Amino acid sequence: MAVLAVVIPLVFVAGLMAREPIPVMEQLPEAVVSLAQPSLAHQILEADDLWTVAPITTRVFGDATPATHLAVELTPQASLKLPDVLVYWAPQQPAGMLPGDSFLVSSLDGTETVRGALPEAALRTDGFLILFSLARQEVIDVAPLTTRQPTPTIEAE
């Protein structure tokens, strides 16, 4: 029995030392990056007054006019001082709890600018950005988000 108490830890340590390291990719291949982050150069919206919990500059970008992909960029002007803040998009305003059809956009920490893709549904309908504290399991703040763009009209001559 005493022999096992010595041999098992030695075998365990030897196994850990003999394993090969997990390969780490320094950066994603360009083909994957271009698919994941389409060029979103057209700014659709910029607002500083959407949030009540803290001043956060909110920008929405599209890839073209009219947009086929959307992204939101959030820049907190002051730290939220809340734990584990996640940003969600939902087509309807939450009633206390995070809606079941919410879409995770990004996490928010300190005053760092974050950018996240909006779901395809945001192209068709206005929705809400939701700040959700994962640690507290509660909705912190909600901001209405208009992403629909007016359809260009062609005037008859």
C-alpha atoms as a PDB file:
ATOM      1  CA  MET A   1       0.000   0.000   0.000  1.00  0.00           C
ATOM      2  CA  ALA A   2       2.831   2.381   0.868  1.00  0.00           C
ATOM      3  CA  VAL A   3       4.461   1.581  -2.472  1.00  0.00           C
ATOM      4  CA  LEU A   4       1.335   2.754  -4.338  1.00  0.00           C
ATOM      5  CA  ALA A   5       1.365   6.012  -2.375  1.00  0.00           C
ATOM      6  CA  VAL A   6       4.800   6.732  -3.816  1.00  0.00           C
ATOM      7  CA  VAL A   7       4.458   5.191  -7.294  1.00  0.00           C
ATOM      8  CA  ILE A   8       1.121   6.759  -8.333  1.00  0.00           C
ATOM      9  CA  PRO A   9       2.211  10.395  -7.797  1.00  0.00           C
ATOM     10  CA  LEU A  10       5.519   9.670  -9.579  1.00  0.00           C
ATOM     11  CA  VAL A  11       3.711   8.165 -12.593  1.00  0.00           C
ATOM     12  CA  PHE A  12       1.303  11.111 -12.644  1.00  0.00           C
ATOM     13  CA  VAL A  13       4.128  13.688 -12.632  1.00  0.00           C
ATOM     14  CA  ALA A  14       6.054  11.720 -15.279  1.00  0.00           C
ATOM     15  CA  GLY A  15       2.938  11.652 -17.459  1.00  0.00           C
ATOM     16  CA  LEU A  16       2.480  15.412 -17.134  1.00  0.00           C
ATOM     17  CA  MET A  17       6.092  16.070 -18.021  1.00  0.00           C
ATOM     18  CA  ALA A  18       6.032  13.699 -21.005  1.00  0.00           C
ATOM     19  CA  ARG A  19       2.967  15.182 -22.680  1.00  0.00           C
ATOM     20  CA  GLU A  20       3.397  17.471 -25.652  1.00  0.00           C
ATOM     21  CA  PRO A  21       2.408  21.120 -25.274  1.00  0.00           C
ATOM     22  CA  ILE A  22      -0.880  22.286 -26.720  1.00  0.00           C
ATOM     23  CA  PRO A  23      -0.227  24.015 -30.059  1.00  0.00           C
ATOM     24  CA  VAL A  24      -0.980  27.738 -30.019  1.00  0.00           C
ATOM     25  CA  MET A  25      -1.858  29.721 -33.121  1.00  0.00           C
ATOM     26  CA  GLU A  26      -0.258  33.175 -33.095  1.00  0.00           C
ATOM     27  CA  GLN A  27      -2.986  34.632 -35.322  1.00  0.00           C
ATOM     28  CA  LEU A  28      -5.975  33.445 -37.293  1.00  0.00           C
ATOM     29  CA  PRO A  29      -5.516  32.752 -41.005  1.00  0.00           C
ATOM     30  CA  GLU A  30      -6.480  35.747 -43.173  1.00  0.00           C
ATOM     31  CA  ALA A  31      -9.319  33.801 -44.836  1.00  0.00           C
ATOM     32  CA  VAL A  32     -10.965  33.206 -41.452  1.00  0.00           C
ATOM     33  CA  VAL A  33     -10.464  36.790 -40.278  1.00  0.00           C
ATOM     34  CA  SER A  34     -12.031  38.254 -43.417  1.00  0.00           C
ATOM     35  CA  LEU A  35     -15.091  36.033 -42.999  1.00  0.00           C
ATOM     36  CA  ALA A  36     -15.471  36.810 -39.311  1.00  0.00           C
ATOM     37  CA  GLN A  37     -14.912  40.554 -39.632  1.00  0.00           C
ATOM     38  CA  PRO A  38     -16.315  41.952 -42.847  1.00  0.00           C
ATOM     39  CA  SER A  39     -15.260  45.505 -43.670  1.00  0.00           C
ATOM     40  CA  LEU A  40     -17.690  47.640 -41.695  1.00  0.00           C
ATOM     41  CA  ALA A  41     -16.781  51.137 -42.838  1.00  0.00           C
ATOM     42  CA  HIS A  42     -20.212  52.795 -43.030  1.00  0.00           C
ATOM     43  CA  GLN A  43     -21.282  54.350 -39.736  1.00  0.00           C
ATOM     44  CA  ILE A  44     -25.046  54.111 -39.291  1.00  0.00           C
ATOM     45  CA  LEU A  45     -25.488  55.481 -35.787  1.00  0.00           C
ATOM     46  CA  GLU A  46     -23.522  57.288 -33.087  1.00  0.00           C
ATOM     47  CA  ALA A  47     -25.059  58.160 -29.729  1.00  0.00           C
ATOM     48  CA  ASP A  48     -23.791  59.119 -26.292  1.00  0.00           C
ATOM     49  CA  ASP A  49     -27.142  59.175 -24.513  1.00  0.00           C
ATOM     50  CA  LEU A  50     -28.537  55.648 -24.879  1.00  0.00           C
ATOM     51  CA  TRP A  51     -27.389  54.316 -21.497  1.00  0.00           C
ATOM     52  CA  THR A  52     -28.401  55.384 -17.977  1.00  0.00           C
ATOM     53  CA  VAL A  53     -25.926  53.354 -15.862  1.00  0.00           C
ATOM     54  CA  ALA A  54     -22.841  55.087 -17.287  1.00  0.00           C
ATOM     55  CA  PRO A  55     -21.874  57.283 -20.232  1.00  0.00           C
ATOM     56  CA  ILE A  56     -21.144  54.889 -23.102  1.00  0.00           C
ATOM     57  CA  THR A  57     -20.588  56.001 -26.688  1.00  0.00           C
ATOM     58  CA  THR A  58     -22.472  53.622 -28.966  1.00  0.00           C
ATOM     59  CA  ARG A  59     -21.713  53.338 -32.677  1.00  0.00           C
ATOM     60  CA  VAL A  60     -23.286  51.023 -35.239  1.00  0.00           C
ATOM     61  CA  PHE A  61     -21.430  50.184 -38.435  1.00  0.00           C
ATOM     62  CA  GLY A  62     -22.527  48.467 -41.627  1.00  0.00           C
ATOM     63  CA  ASP A  63     -20.601  46.914 -44.479  1.00  0.00           C
ATOM     64  CA  ALA A  64     -22.454  48.731 -47.268  1.00  0.00           C
ATOM     65  CA  THR A  65     -25.522  50.838 -47.980  1.00  0.00           C
ATOM     66  CA  PRO A  66     -27.889  49.135 -47.412  1.00  0.00           C
ATOM     67  CA  ALA A  67     -25.989  46.981 -44.916  1.00  0.00           C
ATOM     68  CA  THR A  68     -25.828  43.200 -45.049  1.00  0.00           C
ATOM     69  CA  HIS A  69     -23.686  42.890 -41.881  1.00  0.00           C
ATOM     70  CA  LEU A  70     -23.831  45.059 -38.766  1.00  0.00           C
ATOM     71  CA  ALA A  71     -21.525  45.605 -35.819  1.00  0.00           C
ATOM     72  CA  VAL A  72     -21.852  47.680 -32.676  1.00  0.00           C
ATOM     73  CA  GLU A  73     -18.973  49.476 -30.980  1.00  0.00           C
ATOM     74  CA  LEU A  74     -19.190  50.502 -27.331  1.00  0.00           C
ATOM     75  CA  THR A  75     -16.772  52.908 -25.647  1.00  0.00           C
ATOM     76  CA  PRO A  76     -17.430  53.461 -21.933  1.00  0.00           C
ATOM     77  CA  GLN A  77     -16.381  56.954 -20.824  1.00  0.00           C
ATOM     78  CA  ALA A  78     -16.017  55.679 -17.245  1.00  0.00           C
ATOM     79  CA  SER A  79     -15.553  52.217 -15.795  1.00  0.00           C
ATOM     80  CA  LEU A  80     -18.819  50.419 -15.010  1.00  0.00           C
ATOM     81  CA  LYS A  81     -17.403  48.941 -11.796  1.00  0.00           C
ATOM     82  CA  LEU A  82     -19.648  45.924 -12.235  1.00  0.00           C
ATOM     83  CA  PRO A  83     -18.514  42.302 -12.469  1.00  0.00           C
ATOM     84  CA  ASP A  84     -18.617  40.242 -15.663  1.00  0.00           C
ATOM     85  CA  VAL A  85     -20.621  42.596 -17.881  1.00  0.00           C
ATOM     86  CA  LEU A  86     -21.872  41.032 -21.118  1.00  0.00           C
ATOM     87  CA  VAL A  87     -23.543  42.887 -23.983  1.00  0.00           C
ATOM     88  CA  TYR A  88     -26.551  41.261 -25.643  1.00  0.00           C
ATOM     89  CA  TRP A  89     -28.894  42.265 -28.467  1.00  0.00           C
ATOM     90  CA  ALA A  90     -32.554  41.281 -28.288  1.00  0.00           C
ATOM     91  CA  PRO A  91     -35.524  42.093 -30.526  1.00  0.00           C
ATOM     92  CA  GLN A  92     -37.708  42.997 -27.531  1.00  0.00           C
ATOM     93  CA  GLN A  93     -37.103  44.874 -24.296  1.00  0.00           C
ATOM     94  CA  PRO A  94     -36.294  42.553 -21.392  1.00  0.00           C
ATOM     95  CA  ALA A  95     -38.800  42.307 -18.570  1.00  0.00           C
ATOM     96  CA  GLY A  96     -36.378  41.848 -15.681  1.00  0.00           C
ATOM     97  CA  MET A  97     -34.662  38.759 -17.065  1.00  0.00           C
ATOM     98  CA  LEU A  98     -32.518  38.257 -20.149  1.00  0.00           C
ATOM     99  CA  PRO A  99     -34.833  37.251 -23.049  1.00  0.00           C
ATOM    100  CA  GLY A 100     -34.442  33.713 -24.370  1.00  0.00           C
ATOM    101  CA  ASP A 101     -33.772  34.932 -27.909  1.00  0.00           C
ATOM    102  CA  SER A 102     -30.955  37.274 -26.864  1.00  0.00           C
ATOM    103  CA  PHE A 103     -27.782  37.297 -28.947  1.00  0.00           C
ATOM    104  CA  LEU A 104     -24.389  37.654 -27.216  1.00  0.00           C
ATOM    105  CA  VAL A 105     -22.496  40.544 -28.797  1.00  0.00           C
ATOM    106  CA  SER A 106     -19.457  41.109 -26.589  1.00  0.00           C
ATOM    107  CA  SER A 107     -18.140  41.548 -23.075  1.00  0.00           C
ATOM    108  CA  LEU A 108     -17.508  44.964 -21.565  1.00  0.00           C
ATOM    109  CA  ASP A 109     -14.681  45.688 -19.158  1.00  0.00           C
ATOM    110  CA  GLY A 110     -13.329  48.983 -17.859  1.00  0.00           C
ATOM    111  CA  THR A 111     -13.083  51.742 -20.452  1.00  0.00           C
ATOM    112  CA  GLU A 112     -11.848  49.546 -23.301  1.00  0.00           C
ATOM    113  CA  THR A 113     -13.620  49.977 -26.653  1.00  0.00           C
ATOM    114  CA  VAL A 114     -15.266  46.748 -27.749  1.00  0.00           C
ATOM    115  CA  ARG A 115     -16.822  45.783 -31.062  1.00  0.00           C
ATOM    116  CA  GLY A 116     -19.139  42.889 -31.736  1.00  0.00           C
ATOM    117  CA  ALA A 117     -21.257  41.618 -34.592  1.00  0.00           C
ATOM    118  CA  LEU A 118     -25.009  42.067 -34.453  1.00  0.00           C
ATOM    119  CA  PRO A 119     -27.271  39.224 -35.576  1.00  0.00           C
ATOM    120  CA  GLU A 120     -28.907  39.145 -38.979  1.00  0.00           C
ATOM    121  CA  ALA A 121     -32.255  39.914 -37.323  1.00  0.00           C
ATOM    122  CA  ALA A 122     -30.934  43.391 -36.435  1.00  0.00           C
ATOM    123  CA  LEU A 123     -31.007  44.213 -40.152  1.00  0.00           C
ATOM    124  CA  ARG A 124     -34.780  43.702 -40.238  1.00  0.00           C
ATOM    125  CA  THR A 125     -35.951  44.974 -36.883  1.00  0.00           C
ATOM    126  CA  ASP A 126     -35.028  47.508 -34.253  1.00  0.00           C
ATOM    127  CA  GLY A 127     -33.951  45.969 -30.996  1.00  0.00           C
ATOM    128  CA  PHE A 128     -32.316  46.585 -27.666  1.00  0.00           C
ATOM    129  CA  LEU A 129     -28.763  46.398 -26.412  1.00  0.00           C
ATOM    130  CA  ILE A 130     -28.660  44.856 -22.957  1.00  0.00           C
ATOM    131  CA  LEU A 131     -25.907  45.086 -20.360  1.00  0.00           C
ATOM    132  CA  PHE A 132     -26.078  41.925 -18.273  1.00  0.00           C
ATOM    133  CA  SER A 133     -23.992  41.128 -15.199  1.00  0.00           C
ATOM    134  CA  LEU A 134     -23.110  37.454 -15.326  1.00  0.00           C
ATOM    135  CA  ALA A 135     -21.921  37.472 -11.711  1.00  0.00           C
ATOM    136  CA  ARG A 136     -25.112  39.084 -10.427  1.00  0.00           C
ATOM    137  CA  GLN A 137     -27.377  37.353 -12.953  1.00  0.00           C
ATOM    138  CA  GLU A 138     -29.252  40.591 -13.603  1.00  0.00           C
ATOM    139  CA  VAL A 139     -29.935  43.094 -16.343  1.00  0.00           C
ATOM    140  CA  ILE A 140     -27.981  46.265 -15.570  1.00  0.00           C
ATOM    141  CA  ASP A 141     -29.184  48.581 -18.326  1.00  0.00           C
ATOM    142  CA  VAL A 142     -31.098  48.531 -21.605  1.00  0.00           C
ATOM    143  CA  ALA A 143     -30.663  50.827 -24.621  1.00  0.00           C
ATOM    144  CA  PRO A 144     -32.977  50.974 -27.627  1.00  0.00           C
ATOM    145  CA  LEU A 145     -31.083  50.430 -30.862  1.00  0.00           C
ATOM    146  CA  THR A 146     -32.318  51.510 -34.264  1.00  0.00           C
ATOM    147  CA  THR A 147     -30.347  49.813 -37.010  1.00  0.00           C
ATOM    148  CA  ARG A 148     -32.825  49.832 -39.868  1.00  0.00           C
ATOM    149  CA  GLN A 149     -31.859  52.174 -42.642  1.00  0.00           C
ATOM    150  CA  PRO A 150     -34.297  53.970 -44.882  1.00  0.00           C
ATOM    151  CA  THR A 151     -34.787  52.235 -48.205  1.00  0.00           C
ATOM    152  CA  PRO A 152     -33.556  54.451 -51.019  1.00  0.00           C
ATOM    153  CA  THR A 153     -36.397  55.670 -53.186  1.00  0.00           C
ATOM    154  CA  ILE A 154     -36.115  56.077 -56.917  1.00  0.00           C
ATOM    155  CA  GLU A 155     -37.989  59.076 -58.200  1.00  0.00           C
ATOM    156  CA  ALA A 156     -39.797  58.748 -61.496  1.00  0.00           C
ATOM    157  CA  GLU A 157     -39.100  61.451 -64.041  1.00  0.00           C
END
